[in-house]
């Protein structure tokens, strides 16, 4: 297994440090493109959800936990109901964008790609 680029602590710092600016989102999207991710799958979404649940459990910031839960809470039912992975991912990103945590969610996607290689 290839060593991950970032630890969970690094990702938490990124989430705290990334301001909701267009250039932050552009940077996150560019990094995602450079990592050459495979198309989103349910397995990838579940890996990311795993990270999110660990982060929610470990944070002492209720607002951070609420935003992460809000972005991801529909994913399990969408997967269980047979929604296409891309539709589930778009739903997650849409909520993340509204909550201004889209860069962090994109970083998680990059991280999931690094671990799956």
PDB file of N, CA and C in Angstrom:
ATOM      1  N   UNK A   1       0.845  -1.179   0.000  1.00  0.00           N
ATOM      2  CA  UNK A   1       0.000   0.000   0.000  1.00  0.00           C
ATOM      3  C   UNK A   1       0.887   1.236   0.000  1.00  0.00           C
ATOM      4  N   UNK A   2       0.521   2.207  -0.808  1.00  0.00           N
ATOM      5  CA  UNK A   2       1.261   3.447  -0.922  1.00  0.00           C
ATOM      6  C   UNK A   2       0.962   4.336   0.276  1.00  0.00           C
ATOM      7  N   UNK A   3       1.981   5.003   0.797  1.00  0.00           N
ATOM      8  CA  UNK A   3       1.801   5.911   1.923  1.00  0.00           C
ATOM      9  C   UNK A   3       0.938   7.097   1.499  1.00  0.00           C
ATOM     10  N   UNK A   4       0.001   7.453   2.342  1.00  0.00           N
ATOM     11  CA  UNK A   4      -0.892   8.572   2.057  1.00  0.00           C
ATOM     12  C   UNK A   4      -0.110   9.880   2.064  1.00  0.00           C
ATOM     13  N   UNK A   5      -0.570  10.813   1.249  1.00  0.00           N
ATOM     14  CA  UNK A   5       0.076  12.122   1.183  1.00  0.00           C
ATOM     15  C   UNK A   5      -0.145  12.936   2.444  1.00  0.00           C
ATOM     16  N   UNK A   6      -1.324  12.807   3.064  1.00  0.00           N
ATOM     17  CA  UNK A   6      -1.654  13.612   4.230  1.00  0.00           C
ATOM     18  C   UNK A   6      -2.211  12.732   5.325  1.00  0.00           C
ATOM     19  N   UNK A   7      -1.929  13.127   6.555  1.00  0.00           N
ATOM     20  CA  UNK A   7      -2.536  12.473   7.702  1.00  0.00           C
ATOM     21  C   UNK A   7      -3.889  13.130   7.958  1.00  0.00           C
ATOM     22  N   UNK A   8      -4.692  12.519   8.815  1.00  0.00           N
ATOM     23  CA  UNK A   8      -5.976  13.135   9.160  1.00  0.00           C
ATOM     24  C   UNK A   8      -5.745  14.495   9.817  1.00  0.00           C
ATOM     25  N   UNK A   9      -4.679  14.610  10.613  1.00  0.00           N
ATOM     26  CA  UNK A   9      -4.366  15.894  11.233  1.00  0.00           C
ATOM     27  C   UNK A   9      -4.090  16.959  10.196  1.00  0.00           C
ATOM     28  N   UNK A  10      -3.335  16.581   9.142  1.00  0.00           N
ATOM     29  CA  UNK A  10      -3.056  17.523   8.058  1.00  0.00           C
ATOM     30  C   UNK A  10      -4.352  17.970   7.402  1.00  0.00           C
ATOM     31  N   UNK A  11      -5.251  17.021   7.166  1.00  0.00           N
ATOM     32  CA  UNK A  11      -6.521  17.359   6.521  1.00  0.00           C
ATOM     33  C   UNK A  11      -7.361  18.270   7.403  1.00  0.00           C
ATOM     34  N   UNK A  12      -7.326  18.028   8.704  1.00  0.00           N
ATOM     35  CA  UNK A  12      -8.079  18.898   9.622  1.00  0.00           C
ATOM     36  C   UNK A  12      -7.526  20.323   9.582  1.00  0.00           C
ATOM     37  N   UNK A  13      -6.198  20.435   9.562  1.00  0.00           N
ATOM     38  CA  UNK A  13      -5.585  21.759   9.472  1.00  0.00           C
ATOM     39  C   UNK A  13      -5.971  22.438   8.161  1.00  0.00           C
ATOM     40  N   UNK A  14      -6.015  21.649   7.072  1.00  0.00           N
ATOM     41  CA  UNK A  14      -6.398  22.218   5.781  1.00  0.00           C
ATOM     42  C   UNK A  14      -7.816  22.760   5.850  1.00  0.00           C
ATOM     43  N   UNK A  15      -8.711  21.991   6.480  1.00  0.00           N
ATOM     44  CA  UNK A  15     -10.094  22.437   6.558  1.00  0.00           C
ATOM     45  C   UNK A  15     -10.187  23.732   7.355  1.00  0.00           C
ATOM     46  N   UNK A  16      -9.420  23.803   8.443  1.00  0.00           N
ATOM     47  CA  UNK A  16      -9.440  25.005   9.264  1.00  0.00           C
ATOM     48  C   UNK A  16      -8.802  26.190   8.540  1.00  0.00           C
ATOM     49  N   UNK A  17      -7.786  25.916   7.715  1.00  0.00           N
ATOM     50  CA  UNK A  17      -7.024  26.988   7.075  1.00  0.00           C
ATOM     51  C   UNK A  17      -7.629  27.483   5.767  1.00  0.00           C
ATOM     52  N   UNK A  18      -8.388  26.631   5.087  1.00  0.00           N
ATOM     53  CA  UNK A  18      -8.886  27.008   3.762  1.00  0.00           C
ATOM     54  C   UNK A  18     -10.058  27.958   3.912  1.00  0.00           C
ATOM     55  N   UNK A  19      -9.845  29.153   3.440  1.00  0.00           N
ATOM     56  CA  UNK A  19     -10.921  30.144   3.459  1.00  0.00           C
ATOM     57  C   UNK A  19     -11.872  29.853   2.310  1.00  0.00           C
ATOM     58  N   UNK A  20     -13.123  30.208   2.453  1.00  0.00           N
ATOM     59  CA  UNK A  20     -14.085  29.953   1.383  1.00  0.00           C
ATOM     60  C   UNK A  20     -13.903  30.932   0.221  1.00  0.00           C
ATOM     61  N   UNK A  21     -12.738  30.870  -0.408  1.00  0.00           N
ATOM     62  CA  UNK A  21     -12.430  31.755  -1.527  1.00  0.00           C
ATOM     63  C   UNK A  21     -12.430  30.955  -2.815  1.00  0.00           C
ATOM     64  N   UNK A  22     -12.798  31.575  -3.914  1.00  0.00           N
ATOM     65  CA  UNK A  22     -12.789  30.852  -5.198  1.00  0.00           C
ATOM     66  C   UNK A  22     -11.438  30.233  -5.522  1.00  0.00           C
ATOM     67  N   UNK A  23     -10.346  30.918  -5.177  1.00  0.00           N
ATOM     68  CA  UNK A  23      -9.027  30.351  -5.498  1.00  0.00           C
ATOM     69  C   UNK A  23      -8.732  29.096  -4.675  1.00  0.00           C
ATOM     70  N   UNK A  24      -9.304  28.981  -3.486  1.00  0.00           N
ATOM     71  CA  UNK A  24      -9.129  27.768  -2.687  1.00  0.00           C
ATOM     72  C   UNK A  24      -9.821  26.582  -3.353  1.00  0.00           C
ATOM     73  N   UNK A  25     -11.020  26.809  -3.833  1.00  0.00           N
ATOM     74  CA  UNK A  25     -11.761  25.758  -4.532  1.00  0.00           C
ATOM     75  C   UNK A  25     -11.033  25.387  -5.810  1.00  0.00           C
ATOM     76  N   UNK A  26     -10.543  26.386  -6.542  1.00  0.00           N
ATOM     77  CA  UNK A  26      -9.810  26.119  -7.785  1.00  0.00           C
ATOM     78  C   UNK A  26      -8.556  25.305  -7.504  1.00  0.00           C
ATOM     79  N   UNK A  27      -7.850  25.635  -6.433  1.00  0.00           N
ATOM     80  CA  UNK A  27      -6.650  24.883  -6.072  1.00  0.00           C
ATOM     81  C   UNK A  27      -6.996  23.441  -5.726  1.00  0.00           C
ATOM     82  N   UNK A  28      -8.055  23.245  -4.967  1.00  0.00           N
ATOM     83  CA  UNK A  28      -8.465  21.895  -4.598  1.00  0.00           C
ATOM     84  C   UNK A  28      -8.865  21.089  -5.835  1.00  0.00           C
ATOM     85  N   UNK A  29      -9.604  21.720  -6.737  1.00  0.00           N
ATOM     86  CA  UNK A  29     -10.003  21.025  -7.969  1.00  0.00           C
ATOM     87  C   UNK A  29      -8.784  20.676  -8.821  1.00  0.00           C
ATOM     88  N   UNK A  30      -7.819  21.577  -8.881  1.00  0.00           N
ATOM     89  CA  UNK A  30      -6.608  21.329  -9.667  1.00  0.00           C
ATOM     90  C   UNK A  30      -5.825  20.161  -9.074  1.00  0.00           C
ATOM     91  N   UNK A  31      -5.711  20.126  -7.756  1.00  0.00           N
ATOM     92  CA  UNK A  31      -5.016  19.022  -7.109  1.00  0.00           C
ATOM     93  C   UNK A  31      -5.729  17.711  -7.405  1.00  0.00           C
ATOM     94  N   UNK A  32      -7.050  17.744  -7.396  1.00  0.00           N
ATOM     95  CA  UNK A  32      -7.831  16.553  -7.708  1.00  0.00           C
ATOM     96  C   UNK A  32      -7.547  16.088  -9.126  1.00  0.00           C
ATOM     97  N   UNK A  33      -7.467  17.020 -10.066  1.00  0.00           N
ATOM     98  CA  UNK A  33      -7.147  16.673 -11.456  1.00  0.00           C
ATOM     99  C   UNK A  33      -5.746  16.097 -11.562  1.00  0.00           C
ATOM    100  N   UNK A  34      -4.783  16.683 -10.853  1.00  0.00           N
ATOM    101  CA  UNK A  34      -3.401  16.222 -10.923  1.00  0.00           C
ATOM    102  C   UNK A  34      -3.223  14.827 -10.328  1.00  0.00           C
ATOM    103  N   UNK A  35      -4.072  14.475  -9.383  1.00  0.00           N
ATOM    104  CA  UNK A  35      -3.952  13.154  -8.763  1.00  0.00           C
ATOM    105  C   UNK A  35      -4.554  12.064  -9.647  1.00  0.00           C
ATOM    106  N   UNK A  36      -5.157  12.460 -10.766  1.00  0.00           N
ATOM    107  CA  UNK A  36      -5.736  11.528 -11.732  1.00  0.00           C
ATOM    108  C   UNK A  36      -6.691  10.538 -11.077  1.00  0.00           C
ATOM    109  N   UNK A  37      -7.713  11.039 -10.388  1.00  0.00           N
ATOM    110  CA  UNK A  37      -8.632  10.117  -9.727  1.00  0.00           C
ATOM    111  C   UNK A  37      -9.475   9.335 -10.727  1.00  0.00           C
ATOM    112  N   UNK A  38      -9.811   8.155 -10.331  1.00  0.00           N
ATOM    113  CA  UNK A  38     -10.754   7.360 -11.112  1.00  0.00           C
ATOM    114  C   UNK A  38     -12.132   7.993 -10.931  1.00  0.00           C
ATOM    115  N   UNK A  39     -13.065   7.655 -11.800  1.00  0.00           N
ATOM    116  CA  UNK A  39     -14.428   8.173 -11.577  1.00  0.00           C
ATOM    117  C   UNK A  39     -14.897   7.792 -10.177  1.00  0.00           C
ATOM    118  N   UNK A  40     -15.682   8.654  -9.599  1.00  0.00           N
ATOM    119  CA  UNK A  40     -16.177   8.412  -8.242  1.00  0.00           C
ATOM    120  C   UNK A  40     -16.992   7.126  -8.205  1.00  0.00           C
ATOM    121  N   UNK A  41     -16.788   6.344  -7.167  1.00  0.00           N
ATOM    122  CA  UNK A  41     -17.545   5.104  -6.968  1.00  0.00           C
ATOM    123  C   UNK A  41     -18.167   5.137  -5.580  1.00  0.00           C
ATOM    124  N   UNK A  42     -19.092   4.217  -5.360  1.00  0.00           N
ATOM    125  CA  UNK A  42     -19.665   4.111  -4.023  1.00  0.00           C
ATOM    126  C   UNK A  42     -18.592   3.760  -3.004  1.00  0.00           C
ATOM    127  N   UNK A  43     -17.640   2.917  -3.387  1.00  0.00           N
ATOM    128  CA  UNK A  43     -16.558   2.568  -2.463  1.00  0.00           C
ATOM    129  C   UNK A  43     -15.763   3.801  -2.057  1.00  0.00           C
ATOM    130  N   UNK A  44     -15.477   4.666  -3.016  1.00  0.00           N
ATOM    131  CA  UNK A  44     -14.744   5.900  -2.712  1.00  0.00           C
ATOM    132  C   UNK A  44     -15.552   6.783  -1.772  1.00  0.00           C
ATOM    133  N   UNK A  45     -16.825   6.922  -2.038  1.00  0.00           N
ATOM    134  CA  UNK A  45     -17.684   7.738  -1.172  1.00  0.00           C
ATOM    135  C   UNK A  45     -17.692   7.169   0.241  1.00  0.00           C
ATOM    136  N   UNK A  46     -17.734   5.848   0.362  1.00  0.00           N
ATOM    137  CA  UNK A  46     -17.735   5.229   1.693  1.00  0.00           C
ATOM    138  C   UNK A  46     -16.409   5.422   2.412  1.00  0.00           C
ATOM    139  N   UNK A  47     -15.304   5.402   1.681  1.00  0.00           N
ATOM    140  CA  UNK A  47     -13.996   5.681   2.295  1.00  0.00           C
ATOM    141  C   UNK A  47     -13.977   7.118   2.827  1.00  0.00           C
ATOM    142  N   UNK A  48     -14.462   8.043   2.008  1.00  0.00           N
ATOM    143  CA  UNK A  48     -14.502   9.442   2.433  1.00  0.00           C
ATOM    144  C   UNK A  48     -15.431   9.599   3.630  1.00  0.00           C
ATOM    145  N   UNK A  49     -16.576   8.920   3.600  1.00  0.00           N
ATOM    146  CA  UNK A  49     -17.514   8.974   4.721  1.00  0.00           C
ATOM    147  C   UNK A  49     -16.846   8.448   5.998  1.00  0.00           C
ATOM    148  N   UNK A  50     -16.033   7.419   5.870  1.00  0.00           N
ATOM    149  CA  UNK A  50     -15.293   6.887   7.021  1.00  0.00           C
ATOM    150  C   UNK A  50     -14.429   7.994   7.632  1.00  0.00           C
ATOM    151  N   UNK A  51     -13.669   8.706   6.804  1.00  0.00           N
ATOM    152  CA  UNK A  51     -12.844   9.818   7.290  1.00  0.00           C
ATOM    153  C   UNK A  51     -13.699  10.875   7.979  1.00  0.00           C
ATOM    154  N   UNK A  52     -14.837  11.183   7.382  1.00  0.00           N
ATOM    155  CA  UNK A  52     -15.715  12.208   7.933  1.00  0.00           C
ATOM    156  C   UNK A  52     -16.233  11.793   9.308  1.00  0.00           C
ATOM    157  N   UNK A  53     -16.628  10.543   9.451  1.00  0.00           N
ATOM    158  CA  UNK A  53     -17.143  10.081  10.748  1.00  0.00           C
ATOM    159  C   UNK A  53     -16.060  10.104  11.822  1.00  0.00           C
ATOM    160  N   UNK A  54     -14.844   9.738  11.443  1.00  0.00           N
ATOM    161  CA  UNK A  54     -13.726   9.808  12.398  1.00  0.00           C
ATOM    162  C   UNK A  54     -13.481  11.265  12.796  1.00  0.00           C
ATOM    163  N   UNK A  55     -13.530  12.151  11.825  1.00  0.00           N
ATOM    164  CA  UNK A  55     -13.324  13.572  12.097  1.00  0.00           C
ATOM    165  C   UNK A  55     -14.426  14.120  12.998  1.00  0.00           C
ATOM    166  N   UNK A  56     -15.670  13.758  12.735  1.00  0.00           N
ATOM    167  CA  UNK A  56     -16.782  14.211  13.573  1.00  0.00           C
ATOM    168  C   UNK A  56     -16.596  13.719  15.003  1.00  0.00           C
ATOM    169  N   UNK A  57     -16.209  12.472  15.137  1.00  0.00           N
ATOM    170  CA  UNK A  57     -16.014  11.898  16.471  1.00  0.00           C
ATOM    171  C   UNK A  57     -14.893  12.608  17.222  1.00  0.00           C
ATOM    172  N   UNK A  58     -13.854  13.022  16.518  1.00  0.00           N
ATOM    173  CA  UNK A  58     -12.674  13.567  17.174  1.00  0.00           C
ATOM    174  C   UNK A  58     -12.633  15.068  17.326  1.00  0.00           C
ATOM    175  N   UNK A  59     -13.560  15.785  16.722  1.00  0.00           N
ATOM    176  CA  UNK A  59     -13.470  17.247  16.786  1.00  0.00           C
ATOM    177  C   UNK A  59     -14.089  17.797  18.061  1.00  0.00           C
ATOM    178  N   UNK A  60     -13.537  18.902  18.506  1.00  0.00           N
ATOM    179  CA  UNK A  60     -14.131  19.615  19.632  1.00  0.00           C
ATOM    180  C   UNK A  60     -14.834  20.880  19.134  1.00  0.00           C
ATOM    181  N   UNK A  61     -15.072  20.914  17.823  1.00  0.00           N
ATOM    182  CA  UNK A  61     -15.733  22.067  17.202  1.00  0.00           C
ATOM    183  C   UNK A  61     -17.099  21.632  16.674  1.00  0.00           C
ATOM    184  N   UNK A  62     -18.172  21.885  17.424  1.00  0.00           N
ATOM    185  CA  UNK A  62     -19.510  21.452  17.010  1.00  0.00           C
ATOM    186  C   UNK A  62     -19.922  21.945  15.621  1.00  0.00           C
ATOM    187  N   UNK A  63     -19.518  23.160  15.255  1.00  0.00           N
ATOM    188  CA  UNK A  63     -19.900  23.695  13.941  1.00  0.00           C
ATOM    189  C   UNK A  63     -19.255  22.890  12.817  1.00  0.00           C
ATOM    190  N   UNK A  64     -18.015  22.493  13.015  1.00  0.00           N
ATOM    191  CA  UNK A  64     -17.298  21.670  12.035  1.00  0.00           C
ATOM    192  C   UNK A  64     -18.004  20.316  11.882  1.00  0.00           C
ATOM    193  N   UNK A  65     -18.359  19.714  13.004  1.00  0.00           N
ATOM    194  CA  UNK A  65     -19.063  18.426  12.975  1.00  0.00           C
ATOM    195  C   UNK A  65     -20.410  18.567  12.268  1.00  0.00           C
ATOM    196  N   UNK A  66     -21.116  19.652  12.554  1.00  0.00           N
ATOM    197  CA  UNK A  66     -22.426  19.860  11.924  1.00  0.00           C
ATOM    198  C   UNK A  66     -22.308  20.008  10.412  1.00  0.00           C
ATOM    199  N   UNK A  67     -21.315  20.756   9.964  1.00  0.00           N
ATOM    200  CA  UNK A  67     -21.150  20.965   8.520  1.00  0.00           C
ATOM    201  C   UNK A  67     -20.800  19.657   7.821  1.00  0.00           C
ATOM    202  N   UNK A  68     -19.901  18.874   8.409  1.00  0.00           N
ATOM    203  CA  UNK A  68     -19.530  17.598   7.796  1.00  0.00           C
ATOM    204  C   UNK A  68     -20.724  16.648   7.764  1.00  0.00           C
ATOM    205  N   UNK A  69     -21.459  16.578   8.871  1.00  0.00           N
ATOM    206  CA  UNK A  69     -22.636  15.712   8.916  1.00  0.00           C
ATOM    207  C   UNK A  69     -23.675  16.152   7.888  1.00  0.00           C
ATOM    208  N   UNK A  70     -23.865  17.448   7.767  1.00  0.00           N
ATOM    209  CA  UNK A  70     -24.840  17.982   6.819  1.00  0.00           C
ATOM    210  C   UNK A  70     -24.462  17.613   5.384  1.00  0.00           C
ATOM    211  N   UNK A  71     -23.181  17.693   5.063  1.00  0.00           N
ATOM    212  CA  UNK A  71     -22.741  17.395   3.696  1.00  0.00           C
ATOM    213  C   UNK A  71     -22.881  15.920   3.349  1.00  0.00           C
ATOM    214  N   UNK A  72     -22.690  15.039   4.326  1.00  0.00           N
ATOM    215  CA  UNK A  72     -22.616  13.604   4.022  1.00  0.00           C
ATOM    216  C   UNK A  72     -23.801  12.762   4.488  1.00  0.00           C
ATOM    217  N   UNK A  73     -24.741  13.325   5.223  1.00  0.00           N
ATOM    218  CA  UNK A  73     -25.764  12.481   5.846  1.00  0.00           C
ATOM    219  C   UNK A  73     -26.681  11.755   4.857  1.00  0.00           C
ATOM    220  N   UNK A  74     -26.838  12.251   3.654  1.00  0.00           N
ATOM    221  CA  UNK A  74     -27.706  11.571   2.685  1.00  0.00           C
ATOM    222  C   UNK A  74     -26.994  10.469   1.895  1.00  0.00           C
ATOM    223  N   UNK A  75     -25.675  10.431   1.960  1.00  0.00           N
ATOM    224  CA  UNK A  75     -24.913   9.470   1.144  1.00  0.00           C
ATOM    225  C   UNK A  75     -25.309   8.007   1.393  1.00  0.00           C
ATOM    226  N   UNK A  76     -25.408   7.542   2.642  1.00  0.00           N
ATOM    227  CA  UNK A  76     -25.759   6.123   2.832  1.00  0.00           C
ATOM    228  C   UNK A  76     -27.102   5.733   2.222  1.00  0.00           C
ATOM    229  N   UNK A  77     -28.118   6.589   2.384  1.00  0.00           N
ATOM    230  CA  UNK A  77     -29.422   6.230   1.824  1.00  0.00           C
ATOM    231  C   UNK A  77     -29.400   6.305   0.302  1.00  0.00           C
ATOM    232  N   UNK A  78     -28.659   7.243  -0.255  1.00  0.00           N
ATOM    233  CA  UNK A  78     -28.565   7.327  -1.716  1.00  0.00           C
ATOM    234  C   UNK A  78     -27.882   6.083  -2.276  1.00  0.00           C
ATOM    235  N   UNK A  79     -26.826   5.639  -1.606  1.00  0.00           N
ATOM    236  CA  UNK A  79     -26.131   4.417  -2.046  1.00  0.00           C
ATOM    237  C   UNK A  79     -27.063   3.222  -1.904  1.00  0.00           C
ATOM    238  N   UNK A  80     -27.739   3.109  -0.762  1.00  0.00           N
ATOM    239  CA  UNK A  80     -28.647   1.980  -0.513  1.00  0.00           C
ATOM    240  C   UNK A  80     -29.806   1.942  -1.506  1.00  0.00           C
ATOM    241  N   UNK A  81     -30.234   3.111  -1.976  1.00  0.00           N
ATOM    242  CA  UNK A  81     -31.350   3.180  -2.923  1.00  0.00           C
ATOM    243  C   UNK A  81     -30.909   3.063  -4.374  1.00  0.00           C
ATOM    244  N   UNK A  82     -29.618   2.809  -4.587  1.00  0.00           N
ATOM    245  CA  UNK A  82     -29.134   2.560  -5.935  1.00  0.00           C
ATOM    246  C   UNK A  82     -28.857   3.784  -6.783  1.00  0.00           C
ATOM    247  N   UNK A  83     -28.724   4.952  -6.158  1.00  0.00           N
ATOM    248  CA  UNK A  83     -28.377   6.148  -6.935  1.00  0.00           C
ATOM    249  C   UNK A  83     -27.001   5.965  -7.568  1.00  0.00           C
ATOM    250  N   UNK A  84     -26.830   6.568  -8.708  1.00  0.00           N
ATOM    251  CA  UNK A  84     -25.528   6.544  -9.354  1.00  0.00           C
ATOM    252  C   UNK A  84     -24.517   7.248  -8.455  1.00  0.00           C
ATOM    253  N   UNK A  85     -23.306   6.721  -8.347  1.00  0.00           N
ATOM    254  CA  UNK A  85     -22.297   7.356  -7.494  1.00  0.00           C
ATOM    255  C   UNK A  85     -22.069   8.833  -7.821  1.00  0.00           C
ATOM    256  N   UNK A  86     -22.082   9.176  -9.102  1.00  0.00           N
ATOM    257  CA  UNK A  86     -21.857  10.572  -9.482  1.00  0.00           C
ATOM    258  C   UNK A  86     -22.952  11.480  -8.939  1.00  0.00           C
ATOM    259  N   UNK A  87     -24.194  10.992  -8.930  1.00  0.00           N
ATOM    260  CA  UNK A  87     -25.301  11.791  -8.388  1.00  0.00           C
ATOM    261  C   UNK A  87     -25.126  11.981  -6.879  1.00  0.00           C
ATOM    262  N   UNK A  88     -24.718  10.925  -6.185  1.00  0.00           N
ATOM    263  CA  UNK A  88     -24.466  11.025  -4.743  1.00  0.00           C
ATOM    264  C   UNK A  88     -23.349  12.024  -4.481  1.00  0.00           C
ATOM    265  N   UNK A  89     -22.265  11.915  -5.240  1.00  0.00           N
ATOM    266  CA  UNK A  89     -21.115  12.800  -5.063  1.00  0.00           C
ATOM    267  C   UNK A  89     -21.509  14.259  -5.353  1.00  0.00           C
ATOM    268  N   UNK A  90     -22.304  14.483  -6.398  1.00  0.00           N
ATOM    269  CA  UNK A  90     -22.753  15.836  -6.710  1.00  0.00           C
ATOM    270  C   UNK A  90     -23.603  16.415  -5.581  1.00  0.00           C
ATOM    271  N   UNK A  91     -24.409  15.582  -4.954  1.00  0.00           N
ATOM    272  CA  UNK A  91     -25.218  16.027  -3.818  1.00  0.00           C
ATOM    273  C   UNK A  91     -24.315  16.443  -2.657  1.00  0.00           C
ATOM    274  N   UNK A  92     -23.303  15.634  -2.376  1.00  0.00           N
ATOM    275  CA  UNK A  92     -22.352  15.951  -1.309  1.00  0.00           C
ATOM    276  C   UNK A  92     -21.640  17.271  -1.614  1.00  0.00           C
ATOM    277  N   UNK A  93     -21.130  17.388  -2.843  1.00  0.00           N
ATOM    278  CA  UNK A  93     -20.397  18.601  -3.215  1.00  0.00           C
ATOM    279  C   UNK A  93     -21.281  19.842  -3.209  1.00  0.00           C
ATOM    280  N   UNK A  94     -22.527  19.689  -3.605  1.00  0.00           N
ATOM    281  CA  UNK A  94     -23.442  20.820  -3.606  1.00  0.00           C
ATOM    282  C   UNK A  94     -23.632  21.362  -2.188  1.00  0.00           C
ATOM    283  N   UNK A  95     -23.858  20.457  -1.250  1.00  0.00           N
ATOM    284  CA  UNK A  95     -24.018  20.879   0.145  1.00  0.00           C
ATOM    285  C   UNK A  95     -22.710  21.445   0.682  1.00  0.00           C
ATOM    286  N   UNK A  96     -21.599  20.785   0.358  1.00  0.00           N
ATOM    287  CA  UNK A  96     -20.291  21.267   0.813  1.00  0.00           C
ATOM    288  C   UNK A  96     -20.012  22.665   0.271  1.00  0.00           C
ATOM    289  N   UNK A  97     -20.389  22.902  -0.974  1.00  0.00           N
ATOM    290  CA  UNK A  97     -20.199  24.217  -1.581  1.00  0.00           C
ATOM    291  C   UNK A  97     -21.024  25.268  -0.834  1.00  0.00           C
ATOM    292  N   UNK A  98     -22.270  24.927  -0.545  1.00  0.00           N
ATOM    293  CA  UNK A  98     -23.150  25.852   0.180  1.00  0.00           C
ATOM    294  C   UNK A  98     -22.580  26.164   1.568  1.00  0.00           C
ATOM    295  N   UNK A  99     -21.974  25.171   2.201  1.00  0.00           N
ATOM    296  CA  UNK A  99     -21.414  25.352   3.548  1.00  0.00           C
ATOM    297  C   UNK A  99     -19.983  25.877   3.524  1.00  0.00           C
ATOM    298  N   UNK A 100     -19.452  26.072   2.332  1.00  0.00           N
ATOM    299  CA  UNK A 100     -18.095  26.584   2.114  1.00  0.00           C
ATOM    300  C   UNK A 100     -17.013  25.641   2.642  1.00  0.00           C
ATOM    301  N   UNK A 101     -17.265  24.334   2.528  1.00  0.00           N
ATOM    302  CA  UNK A 101     -16.255  23.336   2.886  1.00  0.00           C
ATOM    303  C   UNK A 101     -15.892  22.464   1.679  1.00  0.00           C
ATOM    304  N   UNK A 102     -16.273  22.905   0.492  1.00  0.00           N
ATOM    305  CA  UNK A 102     -15.975  22.123  -0.704  1.00  0.00           C
ATOM    306  C   UNK A 102     -14.483  21.823  -0.864  1.00  0.00           C
ATOM    307  N   UNK A 103     -13.580  22.776  -0.618  1.00  0.00           N
ATOM    308  CA  UNK A 103     -12.157  22.430  -0.756  1.00  0.00           C
ATOM    309  C   UNK A 103     -11.749  21.256   0.127  1.00  0.00           C
ATOM    310  N   UNK A 104     -12.256  21.227   1.352  1.00  0.00           N
ATOM    311  CA  UNK A 104     -11.922  20.129   2.260  1.00  0.00           C
ATOM    312  C   UNK A 104     -12.458  18.796   1.733  1.00  0.00           C
ATOM    313  N   UNK A 105     -13.675  18.791   1.231  1.00  0.00           N
ATOM    314  CA  UNK A 105     -14.259  17.559   0.691  1.00  0.00           C
ATOM    315  C   UNK A 105     -13.457  17.086  -0.525  1.00  0.00           C
ATOM    316  N   UNK A 106     -13.010  18.017  -1.349  1.00  0.00           N
ATOM    317  CA  UNK A 106     -12.168  17.643  -2.490  1.00  0.00           C
ATOM    318  C   UNK A 106     -10.819  17.096  -2.020  1.00  0.00           C
ATOM    319  N   UNK A 107     -10.258  17.668  -0.956  1.00  0.00           N
ATOM    320  CA  UNK A 107      -9.013  17.130  -0.387  1.00  0.00           C
ATOM    321  C   UNK A 107      -9.246  15.686   0.081  1.00  0.00           C
ATOM    322  N   UNK A 108     -10.392  15.433   0.688  1.00  0.00           N
ATOM    323  CA  UNK A 108     -10.695  14.065   1.135  1.00  0.00           C
ATOM    324  C   UNK A 108     -10.750  13.106  -0.045  1.00  0.00           C
ATOM    325  N   UNK A 109     -11.282  13.572  -1.168  1.00  0.00           N
ATOM    326  CA  UNK A 109     -11.327  12.723  -2.358  1.00  0.00           C
ATOM    327  C   UNK A 109      -9.910  12.395  -2.813  1.00  0.00           C
ATOM    328  N   UNK A 110      -9.045  13.381  -2.830  1.00  0.00           N
ATOM    329  CA  UNK A 110      -7.646  13.137  -3.190  1.00  0.00           C
ATOM    330  C   UNK A 110      -7.024  12.130  -2.213  1.00  0.00           C
ATOM    331  N   UNK A 111      -7.267  12.328  -0.938  1.00  0.00           N
ATOM    332  CA  UNK A 111      -6.713  11.421   0.067  1.00  0.00           C
ATOM    333  C   UNK A 111      -7.225   9.997  -0.135  1.00  0.00           C
ATOM    334  N   UNK A 112      -8.499   9.834  -0.429  1.00  0.00           N
ATOM    335  CA  UNK A 112      -9.043   8.484  -0.639  1.00  0.00           C
ATOM    336  C   UNK A 112      -8.387   7.823  -1.832  1.00  0.00           C
ATOM    337  N   UNK A 113      -8.063   8.597  -2.831  1.00  0.00           N
ATOM    338  CA  UNK A 113      -7.377   8.075  -4.027  1.00  0.00           C
ATOM    339  C   UNK A 113      -5.975   7.602  -3.678  1.00  0.00           C
ATOM    340  N   UNK A 114      -5.274   8.351  -2.833  1.00  0.00           N
ATOM    341  CA  UNK A 114      -3.923   7.981  -2.448  1.00  0.00           C
ATOM    342  C   UNK A 114      -3.911   6.666  -1.673  1.00  0.00           C
ATOM    343  N   UNK A 115      -4.901   6.468  -0.819  1.00  0.00           N
ATOM    344  CA  UNK A 115      -4.965   5.259  -0.014  1.00  0.00           C
ATOM    345  C   UNK A 115      -5.356   4.053  -0.838  1.00  0.00           C
ATOM    346  N   UNK A 116      -6.204   4.245  -1.835  1.00  0.00           N
ATOM    347  CA  UNK A 116      -6.683   3.105  -2.619  1.00  0.00           C
ATOM    348  C   UNK A 116      -5.645   2.608  -3.627  1.00  0.00           C
ATOM    349  N   UNK A 117      -4.573   3.364  -3.844  1.00  0.00           N
ATOM    350  CA  UNK A 117      -3.523   2.933  -4.782  1.00  0.00           C
ATOM    351  C   UNK A 117      -2.536   1.998  -4.139  1.00  0.00           C
TER     352      UNK A 117
END
